[in-house]
Amino acid sequence: MNLDRETLWQELSGPDKRHWDIIIVGGGITGAGVLREAARRGLKALLVEQRDFGWGTSSRSSKMVHGGLRYLAQGDLKLTRHSLQERERLLQEAPGLVERMGYYMMLRKGQFPGRWAMSLVLKIYDFIAGIKDNRYYDKETVSGLFPGINQNGLRGACYYTDAVTDDARLVVRVLQEALNAGSQAGVRALNYVKAKSLLRSDGKISGLVLEDTDSGESVELQASVVINATGTWADRLRNEVNPEQRVRPLRGSHLVIPHHRLPVNAVATVMHPRDKRPVFIFPWEGATVVGTTDLDHGQDLDVESSITREEVDYLLQLVDSQFPDHAIIETDVIATYSGVRPVIASDKASSSASKMPSKERRDHAVWADSGLVTVSGGKLTTFRLIAEDALKAAEPWLRISNVDVEDNAVFRTAQTHPAQVFADDIPRAKRLLGRLGDDCVRFFSEANPCEHQRIASTDYCLAECRWSVRNESVQHLDDLLLRRTRLGLLLKNGGVELFDKLREMFRDELGWNTQKWQSEQERYQQIWCSYYSLPQ
């Protein structure tokens, strides 16, 4: 992204930067998608994020770019169709970042739905997607694919495919595309910038007061329209002009377990013995993830969400019921993560959905209030469609032109061939191309070959860390270890083994002295222990 944040902040005080077509508040996948679509339309757009890009829900999801099989089962054909179309688009446009993966819906005696009902739903699912991946596997085959799976009552599994990604990296890639496409129009994105308050003029929202959260400096900017893409926090900014409370925060928590302790090479979709909810056990970035829970989140939204003791017990019970021979216990857990999903609350307070979080619909919603467009809800998979709807709602306050309706790709086709990256390791090369796009060429020209070696059992290397520190607006150590890379989730104790090498890297790239490093190390360890480990 080549984001020199300090320079960009100073630019905002210049006379040519005081008025924008759009200011987007929120640097998750929705905000990034809106910035990408604004850039494609030739708009002068600014995105600001109070924390780090992807800090909230968009780095703490279940990592799945899926069509929403359960939405089809609930009869929501529209959401399923849109999700499947976008899934296939992302698989085609972002190979190496969004990857197709096999899902096995485990079938047990007395479980609903059974084989034939599930097979019918999957046939419809594949038909909508334009593929044919579904099939049935018997008990013996499933047992071979998932060593150690509980044999009691196991009938077999219905197989289909969806996709898995690194959600935080997806946000960064979309931002990269937006900044590259909109460089001439003046598209910009800054993290650690807070929207303090809305500005009004002649009964309309006319801009924002922004604050640099590190320095405390403020600036007033004018905008034709402000787009509130803050997800779970959307009601807060909107309530400056409209008192409605429409977002229902729901928490989903996950356990990260070493792959060698819980070896799965595809997604096992299993029903929890306690409440019969579907939960996933799946491979991700060289580890195994178990999740998610689905609970109302009543805590302070300004405090990072974290897993509770009850959720840990719930997920471990699920693992024990499905893979009892592995004897997974708390000490096997490398890390945890918990995200708060912005779900649009049901209109009818007495409905069953209002009482059961998992029954709430996952549609997005857009509200327009006199120059403030608020968008919330929806799924990771459909971020492009959500962004289009937000911009459509903003049209009354914009003069949109230069839109090539035939060119609606989110990602440019990479011109670099995997063999030009790692000729002797094509899968690793494809992964890097998915994460960096054509920046892979610069990445390898600038990287020190001695930093190419994999870090422990992960697919990351120190060269990737250096690239992010140098080019991707890393302001804090946690930005690097929890979002630009996921090393803080994949290495024991949050990756303390890397601290000596990272201290030198931050000194070389950002000029951090000993005092700054010590402060950042303490900050990171406090964050990791409080929000990414087991409950203390």
Protein backbone atom coordinates (compact mmCIF):
# COMPACT_ATOMS: atom_id res chain seq x y z
CA MET A 1 0.00 0.00 0.00
CA ASN A 2 2.99 2.29 0.51
CA LEU A 3 1.09 4.23 3.14
CA ASP A 4 3.32 6.89 4.71
CA ARG A 5 0.79 7.72 7.36
CA GLU A 6 2.51 10.79 8.81
CA THR A 7 2.77 12.38 5.36
CA LEU A 8 -0.85 11.58 4.61
CA TRP A 9 -2.02 13.12 7.89
CA GLN A 10 -0.14 16.31 7.07
CA GLU A 11 -1.75 16.31 3.62
CA LEU A 12 -5.18 16.55 5.23
CA SER A 13 -4.34 20.03 6.49
CA GLY A 14 -3.57 21.25 2.97
CA PRO A 15 -6.17 23.34 1.10
CA ASP A 16 -6.58 20.81 -1.70
CA LYS A 17 -7.43 18.06 0.80
CA ARG A 18 -10.10 19.88 2.79
CA HIS A 19 -13.01 18.74 0.60
CA TRP A 20 -13.74 15.17 -0.43
CA ASP A 21 -16.45 13.52 -2.47
CA ILE A 22 -16.68 10.78 0.16
CA ILE A 23 -15.22 10.22 3.60
CA ILE A 24 -15.60 6.63 4.73
CA VAL A 25 -15.46 5.88 8.45
CA GLY A 26 -14.42 2.30 9.19
CA GLY A 27 -11.48 0.28 7.90
CA GLY A 28 -12.93 -3.22 7.91
CA ILE A 29 -13.94 -5.17 4.82
CA THR A 30 -17.07 -3.07 4.22
CA GLY A 31 -15.22 0.24 4.37
CA ALA A 32 -12.43 -1.15 2.20
CA GLY A 33 -15.01 -2.36 -0.31
CA VAL A 34 -16.66 1.07 -0.43
CA LEU A 35 -13.25 2.70 -1.00
CA ARG A 36 -12.54 0.24 -3.84
CA GLU A 37 -15.85 1.00 -5.54
CA ALA A 38 -15.40 4.75 -5.02
CA ALA A 39 -11.98 4.56 -6.66
CA ARG A 40 -13.44 2.69 -9.61
CA ARG A 41 -15.92 5.54 -10.05
CA GLY A 42 -13.21 8.18 -10.08
CA LEU A 43 -14.28 9.73 -6.77
CA LYS A 44 -11.99 11.59 -4.41
CA ALA A 45 -12.39 9.38 -1.36
CA LEU A 46 -10.81 9.19 2.07
CA LEU A 47 -11.08 6.23 4.45
CA VAL A 48 -10.28 6.61 8.14
CA GLU A 49 -10.09 3.87 10.77
CA GLN A 50 -10.00 4.58 14.51
CA ARG A 51 -7.80 1.56 15.27
CA ASP A 52 -5.99 -0.52 12.67
CA PHE A 53 -7.29 -1.73 9.32
CA GLY A 54 -9.34 -4.86 9.98
CA TRP A 55 -8.99 -4.42 13.76
CA GLY A 56 -12.62 -5.31 14.51
CA THR A 57 -14.79 -8.02 13.05
CA SER A 58 -12.79 -8.25 9.81
CA SER A 59 -9.78 -9.90 11.44
CA ARG A 60 -11.76 -12.12 13.81
CA SER A 61 -14.26 -13.92 11.61
CA SER A 62 -14.43 -17.65 10.95
CA LYS A 63 -12.26 -16.99 7.86
CA MET A 64 -14.89 -18.39 5.52
CA VAL A 65 -15.92 -16.97 2.17
CA HIS A 66 -19.05 -19.06 1.88
CA GLY A 67 -22.42 -19.00 0.26
CA GLY A 68 -24.38 -19.50 3.43
CA LEU A 69 -25.69 -23.04 3.25
CA ARG A 70 -27.91 -22.50 6.26
CA TYR A 71 -29.48 -19.45 4.63
CA LEU A 72 -30.57 -21.69 1.77
CA ALA A 73 -32.03 -24.14 4.26
CA GLN A 74 -33.92 -21.22 5.81
CA GLY A 75 -35.35 -20.32 2.38
CA ASP A 76 -33.26 -17.16 1.83
CA LEU A 77 -32.55 -17.77 -1.86
CA LYS A 78 -31.54 -14.18 -2.60
CA LEU A 79 -28.79 -14.01 0.01
CA THR A 80 -27.56 -17.48 -0.93
CA ARG A 81 -27.46 -16.65 -4.66
CA HIS A 82 -25.58 -13.39 -4.12
CA SER A 83 -23.15 -15.05 -1.73
CA LEU A 84 -22.39 -17.91 -4.08
CA GLN A 85 -21.88 -15.59 -7.04
CA GLU A 86 -19.46 -13.47 -5.03
CA ARG A 87 -17.69 -16.55 -3.69
CA GLU A 88 -17.00 -17.79 -7.20
CA ARG A 89 -15.88 -14.30 -8.25
CA LEU A 90 -13.36 -14.10 -5.41
CA LEU A 91 -12.06 -17.61 -6.06
CA GLN A 92 -11.36 -16.58 -9.64
CA GLU A 93 -9.95 -13.12 -8.91
CA ALA A 94 -7.89 -13.85 -5.79
CA PRO A 95 -6.33 -17.32 -6.01
CA GLY A 96 -3.88 -17.91 -3.21
CA LEU A 97 -5.86 -15.62 -0.91
CA VAL A 98 -9.35 -17.09 -1.30
CA GLU A 99 -9.06 -20.86 -1.66
CA ARG A 100 -11.70 -23.52 -2.28
CA MET A 101 -11.89 -26.10 0.48
CA GLY A 102 -13.81 -29.29 1.08
CA TYR A 103 -16.51 -29.32 3.76
CA TYR A 104 -17.82 -32.52 5.32
CA MET A 105 -21.19 -32.33 7.02
CA MET A 106 -20.94 -35.20 9.49
CA LEU A 107 -24.06 -37.37 9.67
CA ARG A 108 -24.89 -39.33 12.79
CA LYS A 109 -27.75 -41.57 13.77
CA GLY A 110 -30.83 -39.60 14.74
CA GLN A 111 -29.35 -36.31 13.50
CA PHE A 112 -31.33 -33.80 11.50
CA PRO A 113 -31.05 -33.21 8.61
CA GLY A 114 -30.32 -36.69 7.37
CA ARG A 115 -28.45 -37.81 4.27
CA TRP A 116 -31.18 -37.39 1.67
CA ALA A 117 -32.45 -34.00 2.85
CA MET A 118 -28.88 -32.71 3.08
CA SER A 119 -27.97 -34.09 -0.34
CA LEU A 120 -30.95 -32.31 -1.89
CA VAL A 121 -29.99 -28.99 -0.31
CA LEU A 122 -26.40 -29.39 -1.54
CA LYS A 123 -27.53 -30.13 -5.09
CA ILE A 124 -29.48 -26.87 -5.10
CA TYR A 125 -26.51 -25.08 -3.52
CA ASP A 126 -24.15 -26.26 -6.24
CA PHE A 127 -26.67 -25.56 -8.97
CA ILE A 128 -26.93 -21.92 -7.88
CA ALA A 129 -23.13 -21.66 -7.80
CA GLY A 130 -22.77 -23.26 -11.23
CA ILE A 131 -20.56 -26.10 -10.00
CA LYS A 132 -21.00 -29.77 -9.11
CA ASP A 133 -18.94 -30.67 -6.06
CA ASN A 134 -21.41 -32.36 -3.72
CA ARG A 135 -21.30 -36.09 -2.97
CA TYR A 136 -21.79 -38.55 -0.14
CA TYR A 137 -19.01 -40.42 1.70
CA ASP A 138 -19.62 -43.50 3.81
CA LYS A 139 -18.44 -44.06 7.37
CA GLU A 140 -15.26 -45.90 6.39
CA THR A 141 -14.13 -43.16 4.01
CA VAL A 142 -14.88 -40.41 6.53
CA SER A 143 -12.93 -42.28 9.21
CA GLY A 144 -9.93 -42.40 6.92
CA LEU A 145 -10.17 -38.71 6.08
CA PHE A 146 -10.57 -37.65 9.72
CA PRO A 147 -8.39 -39.91 11.87
CA GLY A 148 -9.69 -40.31 15.40
CA ILE A 149 -13.24 -39.20 14.68
CA ASN A 150 -15.84 -40.62 17.05
CA GLN A 151 -17.34 -43.76 15.48
CA ASN A 152 -20.39 -43.84 17.74
CA GLY A 153 -23.47 -43.29 15.59
CA LEU A 154 -21.42 -42.06 12.62
CA ARG A 155 -23.20 -42.77 9.32
CA GLY A 156 -21.01 -40.85 6.87
CA ALA A 157 -20.76 -37.31 5.56
CA CYS A 158 -22.22 -35.10 2.86
CA TYR A 159 -19.43 -33.32 1.01
CA TYR A 160 -19.48 -29.92 -0.68
CA THR A 161 -17.06 -27.03 -1.18
CA ASP A 162 -16.88 -23.44 0.03
CA ALA A 163 -13.86 -21.19 0.53
CA VAL A 164 -11.48 -20.04 3.26
CA THR A 165 -9.34 -16.90 3.46
CA ASP A 166 -7.22 -14.74 5.75
CA ASP A 167 -9.82 -12.07 6.46
CA ALA A 168 -7.38 -9.38 7.64
CA ARG A 169 -5.21 -9.84 4.55
CA LEU A 170 -8.32 -9.67 2.37
CA VAL A 171 -8.98 -6.21 3.82
CA VAL A 172 -5.43 -5.09 3.03
CA ARG A 173 -5.62 -6.42 -0.53
CA VAL A 174 -8.89 -4.58 -1.19
CA LEU A 175 -7.34 -1.39 0.19
CA GLN A 176 -4.33 -1.94 -2.06
CA GLU A 177 -6.59 -2.20 -5.09
CA ALA A 178 -8.49 0.94 -4.09
CA LEU A 179 -5.36 3.00 -3.58
CA ASN A 180 -3.79 1.82 -6.83
CA ALA A 181 -6.96 2.43 -8.86
CA GLY A 182 -7.65 5.81 -7.27
CA SER A 183 -4.18 7.27 -7.02
CA GLN A 184 -4.87 9.98 -9.60
CA ALA A 185 -8.25 10.88 -8.10
CA GLY A 186 -6.66 11.27 -4.68
CA VAL A 187 -7.93 8.17 -2.89
CA ARG A 188 -6.41 7.84 0.58
CA ALA A 189 -6.67 5.57 3.65
CA LEU A 190 -5.39 6.22 7.17
CA ASN A 191 -5.47 4.08 10.28
CA TYR A 192 -5.52 5.38 13.86
CA VAL A 193 -7.70 8.33 12.92
CA LYS A 194 -10.93 8.82 14.86
CA ALA A 195 -14.14 10.41 13.59
CA LYS A 196 -14.84 12.69 16.55
CA SER A 197 -18.06 14.28 15.31
CA LEU A 198 -20.12 15.11 12.25
CA LEU A 199 -20.21 18.58 10.71
CA ARG A 200 -23.51 20.10 9.57
CA SER A 201 -24.39 22.82 7.09
CA ASP A 202 -27.86 23.90 5.92
CA GLY A 203 -29.50 20.90 7.59
CA LYS A 204 -27.15 18.38 5.95
CA ILE A 205 -24.08 16.46 7.05
CA SER A 206 -21.17 18.28 5.44
CA GLY A 207 -18.09 16.62 6.84
CA LEU A 208 -16.24 15.36 9.88
CA VAL A 209 -13.92 16.39 12.65
CA LEU A 210 -11.06 13.90 12.63
CA GLU A 211 -8.48 13.22 15.34
CA ASP A 212 -5.10 11.53 15.08
CA THR A 213 -5.36 9.10 18.01
CA ASP A 214 -1.58 9.06 18.53
CA SER A 215 -0.84 12.79 18.48
CA GLY A 216 -4.26 14.15 19.48
CA GLU A 217 -4.22 16.60 16.55
CA SER A 218 -7.58 17.39 14.93
CA VAL A 219 -8.68 18.56 11.50
CA GLU A 220 -12.06 19.49 10.00
CA LEU A 221 -12.78 18.07 6.56
CA GLN A 222 -15.69 18.73 4.23
CA ALA A 223 -17.36 15.98 2.23
CA SER A 224 -20.29 15.68 -0.14
CA VAL A 225 -21.29 12.54 1.74
CA VAL A 226 -20.06 10.61 4.77
CA ILE A 227 -20.35 6.83 4.73
CA ASN A 228 -20.53 5.18 8.13
CA ALA A 229 -19.09 1.67 7.66
CA THR A 230 -18.19 1.03 11.29
CA GLY A 231 -20.05 -2.27 11.54
CA THR A 232 -20.86 -3.10 15.13
CA TRP A 233 -20.32 0.55 16.06
CA ALA A 234 -22.61 1.89 13.31
CA ASP A 235 -25.41 3.04 15.63
CA ARG A 236 -22.99 5.26 17.56
CA LEU A 237 -22.16 7.61 14.68
CA ARG A 238 -25.65 7.40 13.19
CA ASN A 239 -27.22 8.36 16.51
CA GLU A 240 -25.82 11.86 16.05
CA VAL A 241 -28.58 12.34 13.48
CA ASN A 242 -31.00 9.46 14.07
CA PRO A 243 -31.86 7.84 17.44
CA GLU A 244 -32.63 4.35 16.07
CA GLN A 245 -30.77 1.36 17.51
CA ARG A 246 -30.61 -1.26 14.76
CA VAL A 247 -27.38 -3.20 15.25
CA ARG A 248 -27.36 -6.30 17.45
CA PRO A 249 -23.75 -7.17 18.45
CA LEU A 250 -23.20 -10.94 18.44
CA ARG A 251 -19.94 -12.50 19.62
CA GLY A 252 -18.29 -15.44 17.93
CA SER A 253 -15.24 -17.04 19.56
CA HIS A 254 -12.67 -19.55 18.33
CA LEU A 255 -9.87 -21.79 19.57
CA VAL A 256 -6.59 -22.22 17.65
CA ILE A 257 -4.97 -25.62 18.16
CA PRO A 258 -1.73 -27.03 16.68
CA HIS A 259 -2.40 -29.09 13.58
CA HIS A 260 -0.41 -32.04 14.90
CA ARG A 261 -2.72 -32.24 17.92
CA LEU A 262 -5.92 -32.04 15.89
CA PRO A 263 -4.99 -33.00 12.31
CA VAL A 264 -7.75 -32.12 9.86
CA ASN A 265 -7.14 -31.29 6.22
CA ALA A 266 -10.69 -30.26 5.35
CA VAL A 267 -13.59 -28.66 7.19
CA ALA A 268 -15.57 -30.87 9.53
CA THR A 269 -19.04 -29.43 10.11
CA VAL A 270 -20.42 -31.02 13.25
CA MET A 271 -23.40 -30.52 15.53
CA HIS A 272 -22.70 -29.51 19.09
CA PRO A 273 -24.09 -32.15 21.49
CA ARG A 274 -25.48 -29.46 23.80
CA ASP A 275 -27.62 -27.30 21.50
CA LYS A 276 -27.32 -28.99 18.06
CA ARG A 277 -25.72 -25.88 16.54
CA PRO A 278 -23.32 -26.46 13.62
CA VAL A 279 -19.68 -25.72 14.54
CA PHE A 280 -16.63 -25.91 12.26
CA ILE A 281 -13.31 -27.66 12.86
CA PHE A 282 -11.03 -26.60 10.03
CA PRO A 283 -7.43 -26.15 8.87
CA TRP A 284 -6.16 -22.57 8.64
CA GLU A 285 -2.65 -21.21 8.16
CA GLY A 286 -1.05 -24.45 9.31
CA ALA A 287 -3.15 -24.76 12.48
CA THR A 288 -6.63 -26.06 13.31
CA VAL A 289 -9.43 -23.68 14.27
CA VAL A 290 -12.58 -24.60 16.20
CA GLY A 291 -15.58 -22.26 16.14
CA THR A 292 -17.73 -20.41 16.30
CA THR A 293 -19.96 -19.57 19.20
CA ASP A 294 -22.91 -17.22 18.65
CA LEU A 295 -23.88 -15.11 21.65
CA ASP A 296 -25.17 -11.64 22.41
CA HIS A 297 -22.26 -9.39 23.26
CA GLY A 298 -23.24 -7.05 26.05
CA GLN A 299 -19.77 -5.76 26.93
CA ASP A 300 -18.29 -2.35 26.13
CA LEU A 301 -17.68 -2.24 22.37
CA ASP A 302 -14.59 -0.06 22.88
CA VAL A 303 -12.89 -2.93 24.71
CA GLU A 304 -11.58 -5.75 22.54
CA SER A 305 -13.80 -8.79 22.65
CA SER A 306 -12.37 -11.96 24.15
CA ILE A 307 -13.44 -15.52 24.71
CA THR A 308 -15.17 -16.38 27.97
CA ARG A 309 -14.65 -19.40 30.21
CA GLU A 310 -18.08 -20.70 29.17
CA GLU A 311 -17.17 -20.47 25.48
CA VAL A 312 -13.88 -22.30 26.02
CA ASP A 313 -15.73 -25.12 27.76
CA TYR A 314 -18.38 -25.17 25.03
CA LEU A 315 -15.83 -25.52 22.21
CA LEU A 316 -13.67 -28.07 24.04
CA GLN A 317 -16.78 -30.13 24.71
CA LEU A 318 -17.49 -30.09 20.98
CA VAL A 319 -13.96 -31.27 20.14
CA ASP A 320 -14.10 -34.01 22.76
CA SER A 321 -17.44 -35.26 21.44
CA GLN A 322 -16.09 -35.56 17.89
CA PHE A 323 -12.42 -36.48 18.43
CA PRO A 324 -12.25 -38.08 21.90
CA ASP A 325 -9.08 -40.06 21.15
CA HIS A 326 -7.06 -36.86 20.66
CA ALA A 327 -7.79 -35.83 24.27
CA ILE A 328 -7.59 -32.10 23.50
CA ILE A 329 -7.33 -30.00 26.67
CA GLU A 330 -6.79 -26.32 27.43
CA THR A 331 -3.02 -26.56 27.41
CA ASP A 332 -3.20 -27.58 23.74
CA VAL A 333 -4.73 -24.24 22.76
CA ILE A 334 -2.18 -21.90 21.11
CA ALA A 335 -4.45 -18.88 21.01
CA THR A 336 -8.05 -17.73 20.94
CA TYR A 337 -9.83 -14.96 19.12
CA SER A 338 -13.25 -13.43 19.44
CA GLY A 339 -15.10 -11.12 17.08
CA VAL A 340 -18.34 -9.17 17.35
CA ARG A 341 -20.58 -9.46 14.31
CA PRO A 342 -22.88 -6.55 13.39
CA VAL A 343 -26.23 -8.22 12.82
CA ILE A 344 -29.31 -6.17 11.97
CA ALA A 345 -31.77 -6.76 14.78
CA SER A 346 -35.20 -8.16 13.98
CA ASP A 347 -37.98 -5.56 13.83
CA LYS A 348 -40.27 -7.70 15.98
CA ALA A 349 -38.95 -7.88 19.52
CA SER A 350 -41.13 -10.89 20.23
CA SER A 351 -39.81 -12.97 17.36
CA SER A 352 -37.83 -16.13 18.01
CA ALA A 353 -34.90 -14.57 16.18
CA SER A 354 -34.66 -11.81 18.76
CA LYS A 355 -34.21 -14.47 21.45
CA MET A 356 -31.84 -16.76 19.53
CA PRO A 357 -28.76 -15.06 18.04
CA SER A 358 -28.12 -17.81 15.51
CA LYS A 359 -31.59 -17.28 14.05
CA GLU A 360 -31.00 -13.64 13.11
CA ARG A 361 -30.74 -12.95 9.39
CA ARG A 362 -27.32 -11.98 8.01
CA ASP A 363 -28.56 -9.45 5.45
CA HIS A 364 -26.97 -6.02 5.38
CA ALA A 365 -28.90 -2.77 5.68
CA VAL A 366 -28.29 0.76 4.44
CA TRP A 367 -29.79 3.95 5.91
CA ALA A 368 -29.46 7.46 4.46
CA ASP A 369 -29.81 10.42 6.84
CA SER A 370 -29.22 13.83 5.20
CA GLY A 371 -25.76 13.20 3.83
CA LEU A 372 -24.80 10.42 6.24
CA VAL A 373 -25.06 6.93 4.73
CA THR A 374 -24.82 4.11 7.26
CA VAL A 375 -24.20 0.53 6.22
CA SER A 376 -23.98 -2.45 8.55
CA GLY A 377 -24.62 -6.18 8.73
CA GLY A 378 -24.00 -8.60 5.91
CA LYS A 379 -21.34 -11.21 5.26
CA LEU A 380 -17.64 -11.16 4.48
CA THR A 381 -18.40 -12.83 1.15
CA THR A 382 -20.71 -10.10 -0.16
CA PHE A 383 -18.64 -7.02 0.71
CA ARG A 384 -18.61 -5.83 -2.92
CA LEU A 385 -22.40 -5.88 -3.18
CA ILE A 386 -22.70 -4.14 0.19
CA ALA A 387 -20.35 -1.42 -1.04
CA GLU A 388 -22.37 -0.95 -4.22
CA ASP A 389 -25.56 -0.53 -2.19
CA ALA A 390 -23.88 2.05 0.05
CA LEU A 391 -22.74 4.09 -2.95
CA LYS A 392 -26.15 3.84 -4.54
CA ALA A 393 -27.64 5.35 -1.38
CA ALA A 394 -25.03 8.12 -1.59
CA GLU A 395 -25.87 9.06 -5.20
CA PRO A 396 -28.22 11.97 -4.32
CA TRP A 397 -25.22 13.85 -2.89
CA LEU A 398 -22.67 12.79 -5.52
CA ARG A 399 -21.94 13.32 -9.19
CA ILE A 400 -20.76 9.85 -10.16
CA SER A 401 -19.22 9.44 -13.58
CA ASN A 402 -16.62 7.40 -15.45
CA VAL A 403 -18.09 4.07 -14.32
CA ASP A 404 -17.29 1.14 -16.58
CA VAL A 405 -20.08 -1.25 -15.65
CA GLU A 406 -18.34 -4.06 -17.47
CA ASP A 407 -15.23 -3.71 -15.31
CA ASN A 408 -16.45 -4.54 -11.84
CA ALA A 409 -13.54 -6.73 -10.73
CA VAL A 410 -12.31 -6.17 -7.20
CA PHE A 411 -8.81 -7.45 -7.93
CA ARG A 412 -6.67 -6.83 -10.97
CA THR A 413 -5.36 -9.96 -12.64
CA ALA A 414 -1.80 -10.53 -11.45
CA GLN A 415 0.73 -10.33 -14.28
CA THR A 416 3.35 -12.21 -12.30
CA HIS A 417 3.61 -15.98 -12.79
CA PRO A 418 4.13 -18.12 -9.68
CA ALA A 419 7.35 -19.54 -11.17
CA GLN A 420 8.80 -16.00 -11.08
CA VAL A 421 8.31 -15.98 -7.31
CA PHE A 422 9.31 -19.43 -5.99
CA ALA A 423 10.10 -21.70 -8.92
CA ASP A 424 10.74 -24.64 -6.60
CA ASP A 425 7.64 -24.10 -4.42
CA ILE A 426 4.63 -23.16 -6.53
CA PRO A 427 2.01 -23.46 -3.72
CA ARG A 428 4.01 -21.01 -1.61
CA ALA A 429 4.40 -18.71 -4.61
CA LYS A 430 0.65 -18.73 -5.25
CA ARG A 431 0.03 -17.87 -1.60
CA LEU A 432 2.35 -14.86 -1.77
CA LEU A 433 0.79 -13.68 -5.02
CA GLY A 434 -2.62 -13.91 -3.36
CA ARG A 435 -1.41 -11.85 -0.42
CA LEU A 436 0.62 -9.23 -2.31
CA GLY A 437 -0.56 -9.30 -5.92
CA ASP A 438 2.00 -7.95 -8.38
CA ASP A 439 3.86 -6.32 -5.49
CA CYS A 440 5.51 -9.74 -5.26
CA VAL A 441 8.03 -8.51 -7.84
CA ARG A 442 9.12 -5.64 -5.58
CA PHE A 443 8.89 -7.89 -2.55
CA PHE A 444 11.52 -10.24 -3.93
CA SER A 445 13.75 -7.54 -5.33
CA GLU A 446 13.88 -5.88 -1.90
CA ALA A 447 13.90 -8.96 0.35
CA ASN A 448 17.04 -10.44 1.85
CA PRO A 449 17.21 -14.12 0.82
CA CYS A 450 18.18 -15.09 4.37
CA GLU A 451 14.70 -13.92 5.46
CA HIS A 452 12.84 -16.26 3.08
CA GLN A 453 12.89 -19.24 5.45
CA ARG A 454 9.56 -20.27 6.96
CA ILE A 455 8.92 -19.27 10.55
CA ALA A 456 8.39 -22.46 12.58
CA SER A 457 5.46 -24.47 11.15
CA THR A 458 3.83 -21.47 9.45
CA ASP A 459 4.02 -20.31 5.84
CA TYR A 460 5.23 -16.86 6.93
CA CYS A 461 8.79 -15.61 6.67
CA LEU A 462 10.64 -12.61 8.10
CA ALA A 463 10.74 -11.04 4.64
CA GLU A 464 6.93 -10.74 4.75
CA CYS A 465 7.16 -9.08 8.14
CA ARG A 466 9.70 -6.58 6.83
CA TRP A 467 7.56 -5.84 3.78
CA SER A 468 4.54 -5.09 5.96
CA VAL A 469 6.50 -2.88 8.35
CA ARG A 470 7.95 -0.94 5.43
CA ASN A 471 4.88 -0.69 3.18
CA GLU A 472 1.60 -1.40 5.01
CA SER A 473 1.11 1.34 7.58
CA VAL A 474 2.17 -0.73 10.58
CA GLN A 475 1.99 1.63 13.56
CA HIS A 476 2.20 -0.87 16.40
CA LEU A 477 3.66 -4.31 17.00
CA ASP A 478 0.20 -5.83 17.29
CA ASP A 479 -0.64 -4.51 13.78
CA LEU A 480 2.10 -6.75 12.43
CA LEU A 481 1.63 -9.88 14.53
CA LEU A 482 -2.18 -9.97 14.72
CA ARG A 483 -3.32 -8.56 11.36
CA ARG A 484 -0.67 -8.03 8.62
CA THR A 485 0.52 -11.50 9.54
CA ARG A 486 -1.22 -13.96 11.89
CA LEU A 487 1.92 -15.07 13.70
CA GLY A 488 0.46 -13.96 17.03
CA LEU A 489 -2.28 -16.58 16.60
CA LEU A 490 -0.04 -19.33 15.24
CA LEU A 491 3.00 -19.28 17.52
CA LYS A 492 3.09 -20.20 21.18
CA ASN A 493 2.82 -17.27 23.60
CA GLY A 494 1.99 -14.90 20.76
CA GLY A 495 5.33 -15.23 18.99
CA VAL A 496 7.73 -14.02 21.71
CA GLU A 497 10.42 -16.11 20.00
CA LEU A 498 10.53 -13.50 17.22
CA PHE A 499 11.04 -10.46 19.44
CA ASP A 500 14.83 -10.20 19.08
CA LYS A 501 14.64 -10.24 15.27
CA LEU A 502 11.61 -7.94 15.15
CA ARG A 503 13.28 -5.40 17.44
CA GLU A 504 16.08 -5.01 14.91
CA MET A 505 13.58 -4.90 12.04
CA PHE A 506 11.52 -2.09 13.56
CA ARG A 507 14.71 -0.20 14.39
CA ASP A 508 15.90 -0.45 10.79
CA GLU A 509 12.57 0.27 9.09
CA LEU A 510 10.80 2.70 11.46
CA GLY A 511 13.62 4.01 13.62
CA TRP A 512 12.25 2.61 16.89
CA ASN A 513 14.67 3.11 19.77
CA THR A 514 14.97 0.85 22.81
CA GLN A 515 12.33 2.77 24.77
CA LYS A 516 9.83 2.66 21.90
CA TRP A 517 10.39 -1.07 21.38
CA GLN A 518 9.96 -1.82 25.07
CA SER A 519 6.71 0.15 25.13
CA GLU A 520 5.38 -1.66 22.06
CA GLN A 521 6.41 -5.07 23.38
CA GLU A 522 4.57 -4.43 26.65
CA ARG A 523 1.53 -3.13 24.75
CA TYR A 524 1.44 -6.22 22.53
CA GLN A 525 1.85 -8.71 25.34
CA GLN A 526 -0.91 -7.03 27.33
CA ILE A 527 -3.24 -7.19 24.31
CA TRP A 528 -2.36 -10.82 23.57
CA CYS A 529 -2.74 -12.01 27.15
CA SER A 530 -6.03 -10.16 27.63
CA TYR A 531 -7.79 -10.88 24.34
CA TYR A 532 -6.05 -13.68 22.40
CA SER A 533 -5.20 -16.25 25.05
CA LEU A 534 -7.31 -18.37 27.37
CA PRO A 535 -9.25 -16.48 30.06
CA GLN A 536 -7.04 -15.65 33.03
